[in-house]
PDB file of all heavy atoms in Angstrom:
ATOM      1  N   LEU A   1       0.808  -1.242   0.000  1.00  0.00           N
ATOM      2  CA  LEU A   1       0.054   0.013   0.028  1.00  0.00           C
ATOM      3  C   LEU A   1       0.838   1.241  -0.013  1.00  0.00           C
ATOM      4  O   LEU A   1       2.005   1.267   0.668  1.00  0.00           O
ATOM      5  CB  LEU A   1      -0.900  -0.028   1.213  1.00  0.00           C
ATOM      6  CG  LEU A   1      -1.875  -1.161   1.469  1.00  0.00           C
ATOM      7  CD1 LEU A   1      -2.775  -0.930   2.723  1.00  0.00           C
ATOM      8  CD2 LEU A   1      -2.680  -1.419   0.190  1.00  0.00           C
ATOM      9  N   SER A   2       0.361   2.289  -0.635  1.00  0.00           N
ATOM     10  CA  SER A   2       1.059   3.603  -0.679  1.00  0.00           C
ATOM     11  C   SER A   2       0.049   4.633  -0.103  1.00  0.00           C
ATOM     12  O   SER A   2      -1.047   4.575  -0.242  1.00  0.00           O
ATOM     13  CB  SER A   2       1.467   3.951  -2.171  1.00  0.00           C
ATOM     14  OG  SER A   2       2.409   3.084  -2.659  1.00  0.00           O
ATOM     15  N   CYS A   3       0.681   5.629   0.514  1.00  0.00           N
ATOM     16  CA  CYS A   3       0.017   6.751   1.147  1.00  0.00           C
ATOM     17  C   CYS A   3       0.708   7.944   0.673  1.00  0.00           C
ATOM     18  O   CYS A   3       1.787   8.236   1.132  1.00  0.00           O
ATOM     19  CB  CYS A   3      -0.065   6.660   2.655  1.00  0.00           C
ATOM     20  SG  CYS A   3      -0.779   8.105   3.484  1.00  0.00           S
ATOM     21  N   ALA A   4       0.132   8.679  -0.245  1.00  0.00           N
ATOM     22  CA  ALA A   4       0.707   9.876  -0.855  1.00  0.00           C
ATOM     23  C   ALA A   4       0.077  11.106  -0.392  1.00  0.00           C
ATOM     24  O   ALA A   4      -1.146  11.207  -0.344  1.00  0.00           O
ATOM     25  CB  ALA A   4       0.715   9.720  -2.397  1.00  0.00           C
ATOM     26  N   ALA A   5       0.932  12.069  -0.024  1.00  0.00           N
ATOM     27  CA  ALA A   5       0.389  13.359   0.518  1.00  0.00           C
ATOM     28  C   ALA A   5       0.417  14.359  -0.684  1.00  0.00           C
ATOM     29  O   ALA A   5       1.247  14.415  -1.507  1.00  0.00           O
ATOM     30  CB  ALA A   5       1.260  13.880   1.615  1.00  0.00           C
ATOM     31  N   SER A   6      -0.643  15.183  -0.629  1.00  0.00           N
ATOM     32  CA  SER A   6      -0.732  16.332  -1.617  1.00  0.00           C
ATOM     33  C   SER A   6      -1.039  17.573  -0.882  1.00  0.00           C
ATOM     34  O   SER A   6      -1.914  17.587   0.038  1.00  0.00           O
ATOM     35  CB  SER A   6      -1.842  16.048  -2.618  1.00  0.00           C
ATOM     36  OG  SER A   6      -1.624  14.933  -3.466  1.00  0.00           O
ATOM     37  N   GLY A   7      -0.390  18.640  -1.209  1.00  0.00           N
ATOM     38  CA  GLY A   7      -0.668  19.935  -0.623  1.00  0.00           C
ATOM     39  C   GLY A   7       0.155  20.218   0.651  1.00  0.00           C
ATOM     40  O   GLY A   7       0.064  21.375   1.149  1.00  0.00           O
ATOM     41  N   PHE A   8       0.974  19.297   1.141  1.00  0.00           N
ATOM     42  CA  PHE A   8       1.765  19.551   2.280  1.00  0.00           C
ATOM     43  C   PHE A   8       2.951  18.623   2.305  1.00  0.00           C
ATOM     44  O   PHE A   8       2.887  17.593   1.563  1.00  0.00           O
ATOM     45  CB  PHE A   8       1.013  19.332   3.597  1.00  0.00           C
ATOM     46  CG  PHE A   8       0.510  18.060   3.954  1.00  0.00           C
ATOM     47  CD1 PHE A   8       1.268  17.203   4.815  1.00  0.00           C
ATOM     48  CD2 PHE A   8      -0.648  17.530   3.374  1.00  0.00           C
ATOM     49  CE1 PHE A   8       0.868  15.872   5.137  1.00  0.00           C
ATOM     50  CE2 PHE A   8      -1.005  16.228   3.646  1.00  0.00           C
ATOM     51  CZ  PHE A   8      -0.331  15.465   4.566  1.00  0.00           C
ATOM     52  N   ALA A   9       3.973  18.916   2.988  1.00  0.00           N
ATOM     53  CA  ALA A   9       5.209  18.188   2.985  1.00  0.00           C
ATOM     54  C   ALA A   9       5.106  17.059   3.999  1.00  0.00           C
ATOM     55  O   ALA A   9       5.095  17.367   5.256  1.00  0.00           O
ATOM     56  CB  ALA A   9       6.334  19.028   3.234  1.00  0.00           C
ATOM     57  N   LEU A  10       5.043  15.871   3.680  1.00  0.00           N
ATOM     58  CA  LEU A  10       4.974  14.780   4.612  1.00  0.00           C
ATOM     59  C   LEU A  10       6.145  14.514   5.386  1.00  0.00           C
ATOM     60  O   LEU A  10       6.124  13.830   6.409  1.00  0.00           O
ATOM     61  CB  LEU A  10       4.608  13.455   3.769  1.00  0.00           C
ATOM     62  CG  LEU A  10       3.966  12.274   4.497  1.00  0.00           C
ATOM     63  CD1 LEU A  10       2.673  12.742   5.103  1.00  0.00           C
ATOM     64  CD2 LEU A  10       3.810  11.055   3.533  1.00  0.00           C
ATOM     65  N   GLU A  11       7.297  15.102   4.969  1.00  0.00           N
ATOM     66  CA  GLU A  11       8.474  14.894   5.653  1.00  0.00           C
ATOM     67  C   GLU A  11       8.455  15.433   7.105  1.00  0.00           C
ATOM     68  O   GLU A  11       9.332  14.930   7.968  1.00  0.00           O
ATOM     69  CB  GLU A  11       9.683  15.643   4.991  1.00  0.00           C
ATOM     70  CG  GLU A  11       9.483  17.144   4.936  1.00  0.00           C
ATOM     71  CD  GLU A  11      10.566  17.832   4.102  1.00  0.00           C
ATOM     72  OE1 GLU A  11      11.490  17.104   3.562  1.00  0.00           O
ATOM     73  OE2 GLU A  11      10.556  19.065   3.960  1.00  0.00           O
ATOM     74  N   THR A  12       7.587  16.343   7.463  1.00  0.00           N
ATOM     75  CA  THR A  12       7.530  16.775   8.820  1.00  0.00           C
ATOM     76  C   THR A  12       6.477  15.994   9.621  1.00  0.00           C
ATOM     77  O   THR A  12       6.190  16.394  10.857  1.00  0.00           O
ATOM     78  CB  THR A  12       7.289  18.291   8.860  1.00  0.00           C
ATOM     79  OG1 THR A  12       6.015  18.572   8.347  1.00  0.00           O
ATOM     80  CG2 THR A  12       8.429  19.041   8.179  1.00  0.00           C
ATOM     81  N   TYR A  13       5.778  15.060   9.069  1.00  0.00           N
ATOM     82  CA  TYR A  13       4.707  14.367   9.660  1.00  0.00           C
ATOM     83  C   TYR A  13       5.082  12.857   9.989  1.00  0.00           C
ATOM     84  O   TYR A  13       5.567  12.145   9.148  1.00  0.00           O
ATOM     85  CB  TYR A  13       3.434  14.429   8.774  1.00  0.00           C
ATOM     86  CG  TYR A  13       2.835  15.775   8.734  1.00  0.00           C
ATOM     87  CD1 TYR A  13       3.431  16.761   7.945  1.00  0.00           C
ATOM     88  CD2 TYR A  13       1.657  16.067   9.382  1.00  0.00           C
ATOM     89  CE1 TYR A  13       2.741  18.052   7.885  1.00  0.00           C
ATOM     90  CE2 TYR A  13       1.096  17.315   9.320  1.00  0.00           C
ATOM     91  CZ  TYR A  13       1.653  18.285   8.548  1.00  0.00           C
ATOM     92  OH  TYR A  13       0.982  19.547   8.552  1.00  0.00           O
ATOM     93  N   GLY A  14       4.579  12.473  11.165  1.00  0.00           N
ATOM     94  CA  GLY A  14       4.523  11.049  11.403  1.00  0.00           C
ATOM     95  C   GLY A  14       3.228  10.475  10.707  1.00  0.00           C
ATOM     96  O   GLY A  14       2.273  11.265  10.451  1.00  0.00           O
ATOM     97  N   VAL A  15       3.309   9.163  10.331  1.00  0.00           N
ATOM     98  CA  VAL A  15       2.207   8.674   9.622  1.00  0.00           C
ATOM     99  C   VAL A  15       1.871   7.309  10.287  1.00  0.00           C
ATOM    100  O   VAL A  15       2.794   6.500  10.520  1.00  0.00           O
ATOM    101  CB  VAL A  15       2.642   8.391   8.046  1.00  0.00           C
ATOM    102  CG1 VAL A  15       1.549   7.646   7.383  1.00  0.00           C
ATOM    103  CG2 VAL A  15       2.916   9.738   7.480  1.00  0.00           C
ATOM    104  N   ALA A  16       0.636   7.053  10.311  1.00  0.00           N
ATOM    105  CA  ALA A  16       0.156   5.736  10.817  1.00  0.00           C
ATOM    106  C   ALA A  16      -0.804   5.107   9.885  1.00  0.00           C
ATOM    107  O   ALA A  16      -1.422   5.772   9.019  1.00  0.00           O
ATOM    108  CB  ALA A  16      -0.640   6.018  12.225  1.00  0.00           C
ATOM    109  N   TRP A  17      -0.856   3.816   9.997  1.00  0.00           N
ATOM    110  CA  TRP A  17      -1.739   2.994   9.249  1.00  0.00           C
ATOM    111  C   TRP A  17      -2.767   2.431  10.195  1.00  0.00           C
ATOM    112  O   TRP A  17      -2.356   1.772  11.261  1.00  0.00           O
ATOM    113  CB  TRP A  17      -1.118   1.806   8.489  1.00  0.00           C
ATOM    114  CG  TRP A  17      -0.336   2.281   7.286  1.00  0.00           C
ATOM    115  CD1 TRP A  17       1.008   2.572   7.295  1.00  0.00           C
ATOM    116  CD2 TRP A  17      -0.768   2.493   5.940  1.00  0.00           C
ATOM    117  NE1 TRP A  17       1.414   2.985   6.054  1.00  0.00           N
ATOM    118  CE2 TRP A  17       0.325   2.941   5.160  1.00  0.00           C
ATOM    119  CE3 TRP A  17      -1.974   2.473   5.361  1.00  0.00           C
ATOM    120  CZ2 TRP A  17       0.201   3.248   3.894  1.00  0.00           C
ATOM    121  CZ3 TRP A  17      -2.127   2.741   4.095  1.00  0.00           C
ATOM    122  CH2 TRP A  17      -0.936   3.104   3.293  1.00  0.00           C
ATOM    123  N   PHE A  18      -4.055   2.534   9.886  1.00  0.00           N
ATOM    124  CA  PHE A  18      -5.138   1.916  10.681  1.00  0.00           C
ATOM    125  C   PHE A  18      -5.868   1.026   9.751  1.00  0.00           C
ATOM    126  O   PHE A  18      -5.791   1.178   8.485  1.00  0.00           O
ATOM    127  CB  PHE A  18      -6.004   3.004  11.310  1.00  0.00           C
ATOM    128  CG  PHE A  18      -5.420   3.887  12.236  1.00  0.00           C
ATOM    129  CD1 PHE A  18      -4.768   5.063  11.853  1.00  0.00           C
ATOM    130  CD2 PHE A  18      -5.398   3.636  13.608  1.00  0.00           C
ATOM    131  CE1 PHE A  18      -4.160   5.931  12.729  1.00  0.00           C
ATOM    132  CE2 PHE A  18      -4.831   4.470  14.559  1.00  0.00           C
ATOM    133  CZ  PHE A  18      -4.206   5.589  14.109  1.00  0.00           C
ATOM    134  N   ARG A  19      -6.727   0.173  10.266  1.00  0.00           N
ATOM    135  CA  ARG A  19      -7.608  -0.626   9.424  1.00  0.00           C
ATOM    136  C   ARG A  19      -8.951  -0.894  10.130  1.00  0.00           C
ATOM    137  O   ARG A  19      -8.961  -0.847  11.374  1.00  0.00           O
ATOM    138  CB  ARG A  19      -6.901  -1.915   9.028  1.00  0.00           C
ATOM    139  CG  ARG A  19      -6.902  -2.991  10.134  1.00  0.00           C
ATOM    140  CD  ARG A  19      -6.104  -4.216   9.611  1.00  0.00           C
ATOM    141  NE  ARG A  19      -6.147  -5.371  10.569  1.00  0.00           N
ATOM    142  CZ  ARG A  19      -5.491  -6.403  10.438  1.00  0.00           C
ATOM    143  NH1 ARG A  19      -4.746  -6.642   9.304  1.00  0.00           N
ATOM    144  NH2 ARG A  19      -5.648  -7.431  11.324  1.00  0.00           N
ATOM    145  N   GLN A  20      -9.908  -1.086   9.358  1.00  0.00           N
ATOM    146  CA  GLN A  20     -11.189  -1.485   9.932  1.00  0.00           C
ATOM    147  C   GLN A  20     -11.805  -2.670   9.111  1.00  0.00           C
ATOM    148  O   GLN A  20     -12.093  -2.534   8.003  1.00  0.00           O
ATOM    149  CB  GLN A  20     -12.139  -0.278   9.890  1.00  0.00           C
ATOM    150  CG  GLN A  20     -13.448  -0.503  10.594  1.00  0.00           C
ATOM    151  CD  GLN A  20     -14.317   0.689  10.840  1.00  0.00           C
ATOM    152  OE1 GLN A  20     -14.198   1.749  10.149  1.00  0.00           O
ATOM    153  NE2 GLN A  20     -15.226   0.682  11.822  1.00  0.00           N
ATOM    154  N   ALA A  21     -11.898  -3.823   9.797  1.00  0.00           N
ATOM    155  CA  ALA A  21     -12.443  -5.006   9.212  1.00  0.00           C
ATOM    156  C   ALA A  21     -13.948  -4.960   9.357  1.00  0.00           C
ATOM    157  O   ALA A  21     -14.582  -4.302  10.198  1.00  0.00           O
ATOM    158  CB  ALA A  21     -11.861  -6.205   9.895  1.00  0.00           C
ATOM    159  N   PRO A  22     -14.653  -5.759   8.511  1.00  0.00           N
ATOM    160  CA  PRO A  22     -16.097  -5.824   8.588  1.00  0.00           C
ATOM    161  C   PRO A  22     -16.645  -6.196  10.084  1.00  0.00           C
ATOM    162  O   PRO A  22     -16.112  -7.201  10.640  1.00  0.00           O
ATOM    163  CB  PRO A  22     -16.476  -6.930   7.627  1.00  0.00           C
ATOM    164  CG  PRO A  22     -15.312  -6.879   6.637  1.00  0.00           C
ATOM    165  CD  PRO A  22     -14.033  -6.619   7.494  1.00  0.00           C
ATOM    166  N   GLY A  23     -17.444  -5.500  10.622  1.00  0.00           N
ATOM    167  CA  GLY A  23     -17.963  -5.767  11.874  1.00  0.00           C
ATOM    168  C   GLY A  23     -17.103  -5.489  13.058  1.00  0.00           C
ATOM    169  O   GLY A  23     -17.435  -5.848  14.187  1.00  0.00           O
ATOM    170  N   LYS A  24     -16.009  -4.798  12.859  1.00  0.00           N
ATOM    171  CA  LYS A  24     -15.040  -4.507  13.869  1.00  0.00           C
ATOM    172  C   LYS A  24     -14.766  -3.037  14.003  1.00  0.00           C
ATOM    173  O   LYS A  24     -15.000  -2.317  13.082  1.00  0.00           O
ATOM    174  CB  LYS A  24     -13.778  -5.307  13.698  1.00  0.00           C
ATOM    175  CG  LYS A  24     -13.808  -6.860  13.800  1.00  0.00           C
ATOM    176  CD  LYS A  24     -12.510  -7.508  13.650  1.00  0.00           C
ATOM    177  CE  LYS A  24     -12.628  -8.954  13.904  1.00  0.00           C
ATOM    178  NZ  LYS A  24     -11.248  -9.645  13.759  1.00  0.00           N
ATOM    179  N   GLU A  25     -14.209  -2.640  15.194  1.00  0.00           N
ATOM    180  CA  GLU A  25     -13.749  -1.283  15.321  1.00  0.00           C
ATOM    181  C   GLU A  25     -12.377  -1.026  14.519  1.00  0.00           C
ATOM    182  O   GLU A  25     -11.691  -1.947  14.276  1.00  0.00           O
ATOM    183  CB  GLU A  25     -13.576  -0.970  16.797  1.00  0.00           C
ATOM    184  CG  GLU A  25     -14.820  -1.000  17.596  1.00  0.00           C
ATOM    185  CD  GLU A  25     -15.891  -0.001  17.303  1.00  0.00           C
ATOM    186  OE1 GLU A  25     -15.452   1.103  16.993  1.00  0.00           O
ATOM    187  OE2 GLU A  25     -17.068  -0.481  17.133  1.00  0.00           O
ATOM    188  N   ARG A  26     -12.134   0.150  14.259  1.00  0.00           N
ATOM    189  CA  ARG A  26     -10.888   0.525  13.566  1.00  0.00           C
ATOM    190  C   ARG A  26      -9.758   0.324  14.542  1.00  0.00           C
ATOM    191  O   ARG A  26      -9.872   0.688  15.717  1.00  0.00           O
ATOM    192  CB  ARG A  26     -10.903   1.928  13.119  1.00  0.00           C
ATOM    193  CG  ARG A  26      -9.719   2.333  12.270  1.00  0.00           C
ATOM    194  CD  ARG A  26      -9.985   3.567  11.336  1.00  0.00           C
ATOM    195  NE  ARG A  26     -10.338   4.690  12.111  1.00  0.00           N
ATOM    196  CZ  ARG A  26     -10.883   5.864  11.482  1.00  0.00           C
ATOM    197  NH1 ARG A  26     -11.088   5.746  10.212  1.00  0.00           N
ATOM    198  NH2 ARG A  26     -11.164   6.822  12.219  1.00  0.00           N
ATOM    199  N   GLU A  27      -8.665  -0.298  14.135  1.00  0.00           N
ATOM    200  CA  GLU A  27      -7.581  -0.508  14.942  1.00  0.00           C
ATOM    201  C   GLU A  27      -6.267  -0.094  14.328  1.00  0.00           C
ATOM    202  O   GLU A  27      -6.212   0.034  13.041  1.00  0.00           O
ATOM    203  CB  GLU A  27      -7.500  -2.056  15.176  1.00  0.00           C
ATOM    204  CG  GLU A  27      -7.259  -2.869  13.978  1.00  0.00           C
ATOM    205  CD  GLU A  27      -7.381  -4.402  14.209  1.00  0.00           C
ATOM    206  OE1 GLU A  27      -7.256  -4.759  15.441  1.00  0.00           O
ATOM    207  OE2 GLU A  27      -7.462  -5.169  13.327  1.00  0.00           O
ATOM    208  N   GLY A  28      -5.238   0.158  15.127  1.00  0.00           N
ATOM    209  CA  GLY A  28      -4.002   0.577  14.592  1.00  0.00           C
ATOM    210  C   GLY A  28      -3.227  -0.598  14.025  1.00  0.00           C
ATOM    211  O   GLY A  28      -3.353  -1.745  14.553  1.00  0.00           O
ATOM    212  N   VAL A  29      -2.419  -0.368  12.984  1.00  0.00           N
ATOM    213  CA  VAL A  29      -1.511  -1.327  12.406  1.00  0.00           C
ATOM    214  C   VAL A  29      -0.115  -1.032  12.593  1.00  0.00           C
ATOM    215  O   VAL A  29       0.773  -1.809  13.156  1.00  0.00           O
ATOM    216  CB  VAL A  29      -1.815  -1.379  10.872  1.00  0.00           C
ATOM    217  CG1 VAL A  29      -0.848  -2.245  10.181  1.00  0.00           C
ATOM    218  CG2 VAL A  29      -3.309  -1.709  10.637  1.00  0.00           C
ATOM    219  N   SER A  30       0.305   0.245  12.327  1.00  0.00           N
ATOM    220  CA  SER A  30       1.666   0.568  12.370  1.00  0.00           C
ATOM    221  C   SER A  30       1.789   2.137  12.351  1.00  0.00           C
ATOM    222  O   SER A  30       0.898   2.866  11.771  1.00  0.00           O
ATOM    223  CB  SER A  30       2.536   0.055  11.276  1.00  0.00           C
ATOM    224  OG  SER A  30       3.917   0.388  11.380  1.00  0.00           O
ATOM    225  N   TRP A  31       2.878   2.688  12.955  1.00  0.00           N
ATOM    226  CA  TRP A  31       3.239   4.090  12.641  1.00  0.00           C
ATOM    227  C   TRP A  31       4.662   4.324  12.352  1.00  0.00           C
ATOM    228  O   TRP A  31       5.470   3.434  12.950  1.00  0.00           O
ATOM    229  CB  TRP A  31       2.668   5.015  13.683  1.00  0.00           C
ATOM    230  CG  TRP A  31       3.038   4.892  15.112  1.00  0.00           C
ATOM    231  CD1 TRP A  31       2.219   4.452  16.075  1.00  0.00           C
ATOM    232  CD2 TRP A  31       4.296   5.287  15.770  1.00  0.00           C
ATOM    233  NE1 TRP A  31       2.918   4.417  17.330  1.00  0.00           N
ATOM    234  CE2 TRP A  31       4.218   5.000  17.098  1.00  0.00           C
ATOM    235  CE3 TRP A  31       5.517   5.838  15.317  1.00  0.00           C
ATOM    236  CZ2 TRP A  31       5.238   5.220  17.985  1.00  0.00           C
ATOM    237  CZ3 TRP A  31       6.491   6.105  16.184  1.00  0.00           C
ATOM    238  CH2 TRP A  31       6.345   5.797  17.498  1.00  0.00           C
ATOM    239  N   ILE A  32       5.029   5.349  11.755  1.00  0.00           N
ATOM    240  CA  ILE A  32       6.405   5.725  11.517  1.00  0.00           C
ATOM    241  C   ILE A  32       6.676   7.119  11.760  1.00  0.00           C
ATOM    242  O   ILE A  32       5.891   8.008  11.385  1.00  0.00           O
ATOM    243  CB  ILE A  32       6.812   5.257  10.060  1.00  0.00           C
ATOM    244  CG1 ILE A  32       8.288   5.603   9.783  1.00  0.00           C
ATOM    245  CG2 ILE A  32       5.949   6.029   9.039  1.00  0.00           C
ATOM    246  CD1 ILE A  32       8.690   4.964   8.426  1.00  0.00           C
ATOM    247  N   ARG A  33       7.776   7.405  12.415  1.00  0.00           N
ATOM    248  CA  ARG A  33       8.198   8.760  12.713  1.00  0.00           C
ATOM    249  C   ARG A  33       8.508   9.517  11.419  1.00  0.00           C
ATOM    250  O   ARG A  33       8.894   8.839  10.488  1.00  0.00           O
ATOM    251  CB  ARG A  33       9.414   8.751  13.672  1.00  0.00           C
ATOM    252  CG  ARG A  33       9.663  10.154  14.240  1.00  0.00           C
ATOM    253  CD  ARG A  33      10.936  10.010  15.222  1.00  0.00           C
ATOM    254  NE  ARG A  33      10.452   9.483  16.521  1.00  0.00           N
ATOM    255  CZ  ARG A  33      11.205   9.033  17.484  1.00  0.00           C
ATOM    256  NH1 ARG A  33      12.562   9.007  17.320  1.00  0.00           N
ATOM    257  NH2 ARG A  33      10.729   8.682  18.638  1.00  0.00           N
ATOM    258  N   SER A  34       8.356  10.840  11.483  1.00  0.00           N
ATOM    259  CA  SER A  34       8.673  11.638  10.280  1.00  0.00           C
ATOM    260  C   SER A  34       9.985  11.393   9.654  1.00  0.00           C
ATOM    261  O   SER A  34      10.197  11.349   8.447  1.00  0.00           O
ATOM    262  CB  SER A  34       8.488  13.182  10.596  1.00  0.00           C
ATOM    263  OG  SER A  34       9.378  13.562  11.630  1.00  0.00           O
ATOM    264  N   THR A  35      10.990  11.119  10.592  1.00  0.00           N
ATOM    265  CA  THR A  35      12.397  10.919  10.026  1.00  0.00           C
ATOM    266  C   THR A  35      12.565   9.390   9.670  1.00  0.00           C
ATOM    267  O   THR A  35      13.617   9.131   9.111  1.00  0.00           O
ATOM    268  CB  THR A  35      13.376  11.198  11.219  1.00  0.00           C
ATOM    269  OG1 THR A  35      13.039  10.457  12.326  1.00  0.00           O
ATOM    270  CG2 THR A  35      13.267  12.701  11.577  1.00  0.00           C
ATOM    271  N   GLY A  36      11.645   8.570  10.036  1.00  0.00           N
ATOM    272  CA  GLY A  36      11.786   7.146   9.765  1.00  0.00           C
ATOM    273  C   GLY A  36      12.642   6.464  10.783  1.00  0.00           C
ATOM    274  O   GLY A  36      12.971   5.216  10.554  1.00  0.00           O
ATOM    275  N   THR A  37      13.045   7.135  11.809  1.00  0.00           N
ATOM    276  CA  THR A  37      13.985   6.583  12.759  1.00  0.00           C
ATOM    277  C   THR A  37      13.261   5.687  13.852  1.00  0.00           C
ATOM    278  O   THR A  37      13.994   5.000  14.551  1.00  0.00           O
ATOM    279  CB  THR A  37      14.752   7.635  13.450  1.00  0.00           C
ATOM    280  OG1 THR A  37      13.766   8.592  14.144  1.00  0.00           O
ATOM    281  CG2 THR A  37      15.608   8.375  12.539  1.00  0.00           C
ATOM    282  N   LYS A  38      11.976   5.731  13.853  1.00  0.00           N
ATOM    283  CA  LYS A  38      11.293   4.824  14.711  1.00  0.00           C
ATOM    284  C   LYS A  38       9.959   4.352  14.083  1.00  0.00           C
ATOM    285  O   LYS A  38       9.261   5.081  13.457  1.00  0.00           O
ATOM    286  CB  LYS A  38      10.943   5.553  16.030  1.00  0.00           C
ATOM    287  CG  LYS A  38      10.321   4.655  17.125  1.00  0.00           C
ATOM    288  CD  LYS A  38      10.130   5.337  18.485  1.00  0.00           C
ATOM    289  CE  LYS A  38       9.533   4.516  19.448  1.00  0.00           C
ATOM    290  NZ  LYS A  38       9.337   5.120  20.764  1.00  0.00           N
ATOM    291  N   ILE A  39       9.776   3.075  14.218  1.00  0.00           N
ATOM    292  CA  ILE A  39       8.606   2.398  13.632  1.00  0.00           C
ATOM    293  C   ILE A  39       8.024   1.515  14.745  1.00  0.00           C
ATOM    294  O   ILE A  39       8.733   0.830  15.392  1.00  0.00           O
ATOM    295  CB  ILE A  39       8.894   1.648  12.421  1.00  0.00           C
ATOM    296  CG1 ILE A  39       9.484   2.541  11.354  1.00  0.00           C
ATOM    297  CG2 ILE A  39       7.630   0.975  11.865  1.00  0.00           C
ATOM    298  CD1 ILE A  39      10.098   1.789  10.110  1.00  0.00           C
ATOM    299  N   VAL A  40       6.733   1.550  14.814  1.00  0.00           N
ATOM    300  CA  VAL A  40       6.013   0.724  15.861  1.00  0.00           C
ATOM    301  C   VAL A  40       4.867  -0.009  15.108  1.00  0.00           C
ATOM    302  O   VAL A  40       4.201   0.503  14.236  1.00  0.00           O
ATOM    303  CB  VAL A  40       5.370   1.597  16.938  1.00  0.00           C
ATOM    304  CG1 VAL A  40       4.500   0.749  17.774  1.00  0.00           C
ATOM    305  CG2 VAL A  40       6.425   2.220  17.770  1.00  0.00           C
ATOM    306  N   TYR A  41       4.793  -1.301  15.436  1.00  0.00           N
ATOM    307  CA  TYR A  41       3.752  -2.189  14.828  1.00  0.00           C
ATOM    308  C   TYR A  41       2.924  -2.766  15.970  1.00  0.00           C
ATOM    309  O   TYR A  41       3.502  -2.970  17.104  1.00  0.00           O
ATOM    310  CB  TYR A  41       4.406  -3.368  14.087  1.00  0.00           C
ATOM    311  CG  TYR A  41       5.343  -2.973  13.035  1.00  0.00           C
ATOM    312  CD1 TYR A  41       6.623  -2.912  13.155  1.00  0.00           C
ATOM    313  CD2 TYR A  41       4.746  -2.816  11.788  1.00  0.00           C
ATOM    314  CE1 TYR A  41       7.472  -2.544  12.108  1.00  0.00           C
ATOM    315  CE2 TYR A  41       5.635  -2.386  10.711  1.00  0.00           C
ATOM    316  CZ  TYR A  41       6.893  -2.371  10.941  1.00  0.00           C
ATOM    317  OH  TYR A  41       7.832  -2.005   9.828  1.00  0.00           O
ATOM    318  N   THR A  42       1.696  -2.987  15.682  1.00  0.00           N
ATOM    319  CA  THR A  42       0.807  -3.637  16.699  1.00  0.00           C
ATOM    320  C   THR A  42       0.943  -5.108  16.478  1.00  0.00           C
ATOM    321  O   THR A  42       1.510  -5.601  15.459  1.00  0.00           O
ATOM    322  CB  THR A  42      -0.588  -3.250  16.574  1.00  0.00           C
ATOM    323  OG1 THR A  42      -1.040  -3.381  15.266  1.00  0.00           O
ATOM    324  CG2 THR A  42      -0.795  -1.749  16.918  1.00  0.00           C
ATOM    325  N   ASP A  43       0.532  -5.950  17.441  1.00  0.00           N
ATOM    326  CA  ASP A  43       0.713  -7.415  17.506  1.00  0.00           C
ATOM    327  C   ASP A  43      -0.002  -8.011  16.220  1.00  0.00           C
ATOM    328  O   ASP A  43       0.324  -9.102  15.827  1.00  0.00           O
ATOM    329  CB  ASP A  43       0.246  -8.018  18.711  1.00  0.00           C
ATOM    330  CG  ASP A  43       1.150  -7.691  19.912  1.00  0.00           C
ATOM    331  OD1 ASP A  43       2.280  -7.346  19.684  1.00  0.00           O
ATOM    332  OD2 ASP A  43       0.659  -7.856  21.083  1.00  0.00           O
ATOM    333  N   LEU A  44      -1.036  -7.323  15.737  1.00  0.00           N
ATOM    334  CA  LEU A  44      -1.795  -7.967  14.658  1.00  0.00           C
ATOM    335  C   LEU A  44      -0.953  -8.186  13.415  1.00  0.00           C
ATOM    336  O   LEU A  44      -1.333  -9.033  12.578  1.00  0.00           O
ATOM    337  CB  LEU A  44      -3.018  -7.133  14.311  1.00  0.00           C
ATOM    338  CG  LEU A  44      -2.838  -5.669  13.812  1.00  0.00           C
ATOM    339  CD1 LEU A  44      -2.683  -5.704  12.271  1.00  0.00           C
ATOM    340  CD2 LEU A  44      -4.002  -4.831  14.169  1.00  0.00           C
ATOM    341  N   THR A  45       0.204  -7.392  13.298  1.00  0.00           N
ATOM    342  CA  THR A  45       1.034  -7.620  12.148  1.00  0.00           C
ATOM    343  C   THR A  45       1.819  -8.899  12.158  1.00  0.00           C
ATOM    344  O   THR A  45       2.157  -9.489  11.091  1.00  0.00           O
ATOM    345  CB  THR A  45       1.964  -6.431  11.967  1.00  0.00           C
ATOM    346  OG1 THR A  45       2.896  -6.493  13.040  1.00  0.00           O
ATOM    347  CG2 THR A  45       1.193  -5.136  11.955  1.00  0.00           C
TER     348      THR A  45
END
């Protein structure tokens, strides 16, 4: 999957991935610091 930003510089932003399965609440998947120096994954990965 790709997440592309338009209209602002993503370089200063942390980015997270969430997902929502049928019949379930939205849950976190992963996030990455703006610099890419830290990445966190949830257990579901």
